[in-house]
Amino acid sequence: MIQTQAKTNSSITLISPIDLTPIIKSESSTAVILACAILISTLLAYITKLVEVIMKRQSR
């Protein structure tokens, strides 16, 4: 689909929207892997902060 502007005579190619249905229903393996990666990285960040707090409290 191409949209043309009258003033500048340039054409803009519109990007077709992404179908979110397979991602929402977890039918896409890429979406599942991405979700797992996000959860693991978040968990590691929380564990790192928790260890930091514990180490600071023990050093007092």
Protein backbone atom coordinates (compact mmCIF):
# COMPACT_ATOMS: atom_id res chain seq x y z
CA MET A 1 0.00 0.00 0.00
CA ILE A 2 1.50 3.36 -1.08
CA GLN A 3 0.34 6.76 0.09
CA THR A 4 1.34 9.80 -1.98
CA GLN A 5 1.60 13.32 -0.61
CA ALA A 6 0.34 16.04 -2.95
CA LYS A 7 2.71 18.84 -1.84
CA THR A 8 6.10 17.12 -2.09
CA ASN A 9 5.27 14.44 -4.69
CA SER A 10 7.02 11.83 -2.53
CA SER A 11 5.61 8.42 -1.79
CA ILE A 12 5.52 6.75 1.62
CA THR A 13 5.26 2.99 1.95
CA LEU A 14 3.05 2.10 4.90
CA ILE A 15 4.06 -0.84 7.06
CA SER A 16 1.38 -3.45 7.45
CA PRO A 17 0.36 -4.07 11.08
CA ILE A 18 1.64 -7.14 12.93
CA ASP A 19 -0.94 -9.80 13.75
CA LEU A 20 -0.79 -10.09 17.55
CA THR A 21 -3.14 -13.08 17.81
CA PRO A 22 -0.43 -15.81 17.69
CA ILE A 23 1.66 -13.90 20.22
CA ILE A 24 -1.25 -13.43 22.63
CA LYS A 25 -2.26 -17.09 22.35
CA SER A 26 1.40 -18.19 22.77
CA GLU A 27 1.33 -20.04 19.46
CA SER A 28 4.51 -18.34 18.34
CA SER A 29 7.64 -20.09 19.60
CA THR A 30 9.58 -16.85 19.26
CA ALA A 31 7.11 -15.10 21.56
CA VAL A 32 7.43 -17.86 24.16
CA ILE A 33 11.24 -17.72 24.02
CA LEU A 34 11.18 -13.93 24.29
CA ALA A 35 8.81 -14.05 27.27
CA CYS A 36 11.05 -16.61 29.02
CA ALA A 37 14.12 -14.48 28.36
CA ILE A 38 12.42 -11.40 29.81
CA LEU A 39 11.31 -13.33 32.90
CA ILE A 40 14.76 -14.83 33.45
CA SER A 41 16.52 -11.47 33.08
CA THR A 42 14.06 -9.82 35.47
CA LEU A 43 14.52 -12.61 37.99
CA LEU A 44 18.30 -12.35 37.78
CA ALA A 45 18.13 -8.59 38.32
CA TYR A 46 15.99 -9.04 41.44
CA ILE A 47 18.27 -11.76 42.80
CA THR A 48 21.31 -9.55 42.21
CA LYS A 49 19.71 -6.67 44.10
CA LEU A 50 18.67 -9.00 46.92
CA VAL A 51 22.22 -10.34 47.29
CA GLU A 52 23.52 -6.75 47.30
CA VAL A 53 21.17 -5.80 50.14
CA ILE A 54 22.07 -8.93 52.13
CA MET A 55 25.80 -8.32 51.71
CA LYS A 56 25.46 -4.68 52.83
CA ARG A 57 23.47 -5.70 55.92
CA GLN A 58 26.03 -8.36 56.87
CA SER A 59 28.94 -5.94 56.58
CA ARG A 60 27.46 -3.64 59.24
